[in-house]
Amino acid sequence: SEGLTDEQLEFQQTAKKFADTEFAPNMREWDLNEIWPQEAMRKAAELGFGAIYCSPDFGGTGLGRLDASIIFEALATGDVSTTALLSIHNMCAWMIDEHGSVEQKEKYLPSLASFEKMASYCLTEPNAGSDAGNLSTSARKEGDYYVLNGSKAFISGGGDSEVYVVMARTGVAGPKGISCFIVEKGTEGLSFGAKEKKVGWNSQPTRAVIFEDCKVPASNLVGKEGQGFSIAMKGLNGGRLNIASSSLGGAQAALEHAFEHVKQRKQFGQSISAFQNTQFELVDMATELNAARMLVRRAGKAMDAQDPAVPALCAMAKLHATEKCYDEPITLALFSFVSTGGYGYLKDYPVQQYLRDLRVHRILEGTNEIMRVVVAREMFKE
């Protein structure tokens, strides 16, 4: 709570209370049975979490990026997977709010803000993951329509979302030939692959999104032709901040579970919390978590200030938080695993789920290797 305004503290407390009552009690069931909790998401939208940093003119909450980061961190203490899906939905809504036409905003944003409809982000392809600028999904202009052909891979919400924000090639090779489109579920030529079986993130469906002569109205072009890659990258700056924030929340919850467990568990006639080694592990966890939190919040403030260093700062925040909230031997989730002993390996205990859900954060919204590339470009540019 350090450094937060009274209003931000209120957002944090509201989100944490919601996480404690709506997410945490159901986290295990949603994971084991791969349930997408639509009703819980709609309840979150009633609190303003469906379009957090979109304009109030079209149903958004109108908050800042630091505000959103605080909210996502608090929500993720209850369920990382569901919070991450909500963060992707928010990113898509913002892309329409920031770059869409008035007609697009009027048509899509109110139902996205209320979570009557869910949005998915379609950039990654089977053969163009990190090299997103060379995607091959095409969009050919034919009269009042664009005809899309190609496929997207690993799309969160794929098959269940009603709205897809899609990057497709309308022009030359490379990033400058990419445009952004809104594609609605039910459009002829739009189909989906089988639901993927994943290690974590099981409360959200993941499928391939396939376009076969998919006719999309020309009015669904977001911005102008050739602006798609820029729109996608600006969206990802916020997406990286959101995912980093979700990692903080999962790690915080893992730390708290570990802390409670070591106080209760006895070895050699005393609580293991009395052992200095255990204390030092927990101290290191708390230190790493707080350092990551400060970097994430620095990036959130930079986004609100429209600082030119936003891409690098968001990449740093995503890189550091998602690494420190997962990786061995000094990071948070895995240290919680060690501190809870064999119990941490059982699915009856939540730490293993935080571990599984946090792992993918190092891959999505740009892999952490790409985060290093983004930061290096900023550091070494002339």
Foldseek 3Di string as FASTA:
>chain_A
DPPDDPVLVVLLVVLLVLLVPPQQVCQLVCWVVLAQPLVSVLVVLVVQLLQACADVVLPHVNDFLLSNLSNLLSNLLNPLLNSLQSLQQNLVLVLCRPFNDPVSSNVPNNCSSSSVFGEKEFQAAPVDHLVSQQDAFAWEDDPQWTFTFGKGFFIWQPPNGQKYWYWHAHDDRGLQRIWIFIDGPPFPQWDWADFDDALASSNITTIMIGGDRGIDGNSRTGHDGRCHSVSLLVSLLSSLLSLLSSLLNLLVSLLVVLVVLQCPDDDPHHRNCPPVVLVVLSVLAVVLSVVLVVLSSVLSVCRRVVPPCNLLSSLVSSLSSLCQSAPDDNHRLVSSLVSNPPVSVDSVDCSVNSNRSSNCSCPPSRHNVVSVVSNVCVVPPD
